[in-house]
Amino acid sequence: MHNLLPKLTADFPGITFRTGATFRWSSKDKRIVYRADFSKEPAGLWSLLHEVGHAKLDHSTYQSDFELLQMEVAAWEAARELAQTYGHQIDPDHIQDCLDTYRDWLHRRSTCPTCGVRSLQETARQYACFNCDTRWNVSASRFCRPYRKLQNTKPEVENRKQARNNKSETTQNTFV
């Protein structure tokens, strides 16, 4: 594992490799930051290859949370291919565990804070519920807790909730 970094540096001369606190790809600087102790366990090597996958695919920006998830899937596929090229193998369960963190993040961000329905993203920082018309903003950061700030005023949301409850009670009475 110790000889992988010199090989990557030689095979990807347009990328700068630097040690840091965590693994990440910076498209702006064409730099991969990696933990100095990456070779102590397989997951470190796999993370380094994952970041090289982002670089190889020239990932830079994304417009939606789902697009970010797609980029992560593509980077892991590239990492898996790179691992084979260099005589390594990435545990598929590790890949799925990493992707699950993004899936969970996306699930939390897309859940309507009013009615709990999974909703659609309208803009890079805004979701809208097709069930109750609630709109909420989310943080631009993917590294923080997925806060959701409602845009609707409380009376509007409460009126929609009451209308849904009344409709639900009517529907239930019809079938009883």
Protein backbone atom coordinates (compact mmCIF):
# COMPACT_ATOMS: atom_id res chain seq x y z
CA MET A 1 0.00 0.00 0.00
CA HIS A 2 2.86 2.41 0.69
CA ASN A 3 3.87 2.48 -2.96
CA LEU A 4 0.43 3.55 -4.22
CA LEU A 5 0.88 7.29 -3.70
CA PRO A 6 4.02 7.55 -5.91
CA LYS A 7 2.17 5.60 -8.62
CA LEU A 8 -0.86 7.88 -8.41
CA THR A 9 1.35 10.97 -8.49
CA ALA A 10 3.11 9.65 -11.61
CA ASP A 11 -0.11 8.55 -13.33
CA PHE A 12 -1.99 11.79 -12.57
CA PRO A 13 0.57 14.58 -13.05
CA GLY A 14 -2.11 17.29 -13.26
CA ILE A 15 -3.21 16.59 -9.69
CA THR A 16 -1.47 17.78 -6.55
CA PHE A 17 -1.53 15.44 -3.55
CA ARG A 18 -1.32 16.98 -0.05
CA THR A 19 -1.74 15.62 3.45
CA GLY A 20 -4.53 17.01 5.59
CA ALA A 21 -7.10 16.20 8.24
CA THR A 22 -9.52 14.44 5.90
CA PHE A 23 -9.92 13.16 2.35
CA ARG A 24 -11.27 15.55 -0.28
CA TRP A 25 -10.99 16.62 -3.90
CA SER A 26 -10.72 20.29 -4.80
CA SER A 27 -11.61 20.87 -8.45
CA LYS A 28 -10.59 24.52 -8.14
CA ASP A 29 -7.01 23.69 -7.11
CA LYS A 30 -6.82 20.27 -8.84
CA ARG A 31 -5.75 18.95 -5.45
CA ILE A 32 -6.46 15.81 -3.50
CA VAL A 33 -6.09 16.11 0.25
CA TYR A 34 -5.55 12.85 2.09
CA ARG A 35 -4.78 11.72 5.61
CA ALA A 36 -1.11 10.94 6.14
CA ASP A 37 -2.01 7.65 7.82
CA PHE A 38 -4.15 6.47 4.87
CA SER A 39 -2.08 3.33 4.35
CA LYS A 40 -2.60 2.00 7.88
CA GLU A 41 -5.97 0.49 7.01
CA PRO A 42 -7.73 -0.47 3.77
CA ALA A 43 -10.45 2.18 4.16
CA GLY A 44 -7.81 4.91 3.91
CA LEU A 45 -6.52 3.55 0.62
CA TRP A 46 -10.07 3.23 -0.65
CA SER A 47 -10.84 6.83 0.33
CA LEU A 48 -7.76 8.04 -1.51
CA LEU A 49 -8.81 6.13 -4.62
CA HIS A 50 -12.32 7.55 -4.29
CA GLU A 51 -10.94 11.10 -4.35
CA VAL A 52 -8.82 10.20 -7.38
CA GLY A 53 -12.08 8.96 -8.93
CA HIS A 54 -13.60 12.43 -8.45
CA ALA A 55 -10.49 13.97 -10.02
CA LYS A 56 -10.44 11.54 -12.93
CA LEU A 57 -14.10 12.31 -13.65
CA ASP A 58 -13.39 16.05 -13.26
CA HIS A 59 -16.17 16.53 -10.72
CA SER A 60 -16.56 20.16 -9.84
CA THR A 61 -20.04 21.41 -9.01
CA TYR A 62 -23.52 19.98 -8.70
CA GLN A 63 -26.92 21.62 -8.96
CA SER A 64 -28.99 19.26 -6.83
CA ASP A 65 -28.61 16.86 -3.94
CA PHE A 66 -29.49 13.94 -6.21
CA GLU A 67 -26.77 15.02 -8.66
CA LEU A 68 -24.28 14.94 -5.78
CA LEU A 69 -25.34 11.38 -4.97
CA GLN A 70 -24.87 10.42 -8.62
CA MET A 71 -21.37 11.92 -8.57
CA GLU A 72 -20.52 9.92 -5.45
CA VAL A 73 -21.70 6.70 -7.10
CA ALA A 74 -19.62 7.49 -10.19
CA ALA A 75 -16.53 8.32 -8.09
CA TRP A 76 -16.82 5.01 -6.23
CA GLU A 77 -17.14 3.14 -9.53
CA ALA A 78 -14.02 4.91 -10.80
CA ALA A 79 -12.25 4.09 -7.52
CA ARG A 80 -13.18 0.43 -7.90
CA GLU A 81 -11.69 0.39 -11.41
CA LEU A 82 -8.56 2.22 -10.22
CA ALA A 83 -8.15 -0.27 -7.37
CA GLN A 84 -8.15 -3.13 -9.87
CA THR A 85 -5.58 -1.30 -12.01
CA TYR A 86 -3.25 -1.03 -9.02
CA GLY A 87 -3.83 -4.57 -7.79
CA HIS A 88 -6.28 -3.78 -4.99
CA GLN A 89 -9.93 -4.43 -4.34
CA ILE A 90 -12.45 -2.23 -2.56
CA ASP A 91 -14.94 -3.97 -0.30
CA PRO A 92 -18.40 -3.43 -1.89
CA ASP A 93 -19.94 -3.16 1.60
CA HIS A 94 -17.61 -0.23 2.35
CA ILE A 95 -18.79 1.51 -0.82
CA GLN A 96 -22.44 0.98 0.10
CA ASP A 97 -21.81 2.17 3.67
CA CYS A 98 -20.28 5.38 2.32
CA LEU A 99 -23.12 5.88 -0.16
CA ASP A 100 -25.64 5.25 2.62
CA THR A 101 -24.38 8.35 4.42
CA TYR A 102 -25.33 10.42 1.36
CA ARG A 103 -28.63 8.60 0.94
CA ASP A 104 -29.50 9.23 4.60
CA TRP A 105 -28.50 12.89 4.27
CA LEU A 106 -30.65 13.26 1.15
CA HIS A 107 -33.58 11.52 2.87
CA ARG A 108 -33.42 13.89 5.86
CA ARG A 109 -33.16 17.00 3.69
CA SER A 110 -36.03 15.96 1.40
CA THR A 111 -38.48 15.07 4.20
CA CYS A 112 -41.17 17.70 4.61
CA PRO A 113 -40.93 19.21 8.10
CA THR A 114 -44.72 19.68 8.16
CA CYS A 115 -46.19 16.39 6.95
CA GLY A 116 -43.21 14.02 6.66
CA VAL A 117 -43.63 13.22 2.96
CA ARG A 118 -40.48 12.89 0.84
CA SER A 119 -40.42 15.85 -1.49
CA LEU A 120 -38.68 17.25 -4.52
CA GLN A 121 -35.86 19.75 -4.70
CA GLU A 122 -36.78 22.94 -6.58
CA THR A 123 -33.48 24.81 -6.43
CA ALA A 124 -30.04 24.12 -5.01
CA ARG A 125 -31.20 25.17 -1.54
CA GLN A 126 -34.97 24.78 -1.62
CA TYR A 127 -37.42 21.89 -1.40
CA ALA A 128 -41.18 21.94 -1.88
CA CYS A 129 -43.73 19.43 -0.66
CA PHE A 130 -46.27 18.35 -3.26
CA ASN A 131 -48.52 17.04 -0.48
CA CYS A 132 -48.96 20.13 1.74
CA ASP A 133 -47.24 22.90 -0.27
CA THR A 134 -44.69 23.59 2.45
CA ARG A 135 -41.41 25.05 1.17
CA TRP A 136 -38.16 24.97 3.08
CA ASN A 137 -34.56 25.98 2.62
CA VAL A 138 -31.63 23.71 3.36
CA SER A 139 -28.00 24.48 4.05
CA ALA A 140 -25.60 24.61 1.13
CA SER A 141 -23.14 22.50 3.11
CA ARG A 142 -23.25 18.74 2.85
CA PHE A 143 -21.07 18.39 5.94
CA CYS A 144 -23.49 19.80 8.49
CA ARG A 145 -26.72 18.66 10.04
CA PRO A 146 -29.51 18.96 7.46
CA TYR A 147 -31.35 21.96 8.90
CA ARG A 148 -34.62 22.81 7.21
CA LYS A 149 -35.93 26.36 7.52
CA LEU A 150 -39.60 26.75 6.65
CA GLN A 151 -40.49 29.51 4.23
CA ASN A 152 -44.23 29.39 4.85
CA THR A 153 -45.80 31.36 7.65
CA LYS A 154 -47.18 29.29 10.49
CA PRO A 155 -50.89 30.14 9.89
CA GLU A 156 -50.64 28.99 6.23
CA VAL A 157 -49.09 25.68 7.23
CA GLU A 158 -51.60 25.18 10.06
CA ASN A 159 -54.51 25.91 7.69
CA ARG A 160 -53.23 23.29 5.23
CA LYS A 161 -52.78 20.77 8.07
CA GLN A 162 -56.33 21.40 9.29
CA ALA A 163 -57.72 21.06 5.75
CA ARG A 164 -55.90 17.72 5.32
CA ASN A 165 -57.18 16.50 8.69
CA ASN A 166 -60.75 17.47 7.81
CA LYS A 167 -60.45 15.73 4.46
CA SER A 168 -58.98 12.65 6.13
CA GLU A 169 -61.81 12.52 8.70
CA THR A 170 -64.40 12.84 5.90
CA THR A 171 -62.74 10.08 3.92
CA GLN A 172 -62.57 7.82 6.94
CA ASN A 173 -66.24 8.41 7.72
CA THR A 174 -67.18 7.53 4.16
CA PHE A 175 -65.60 4.07 4.45
CA VAL A 176 -66.85 3.23 7.94
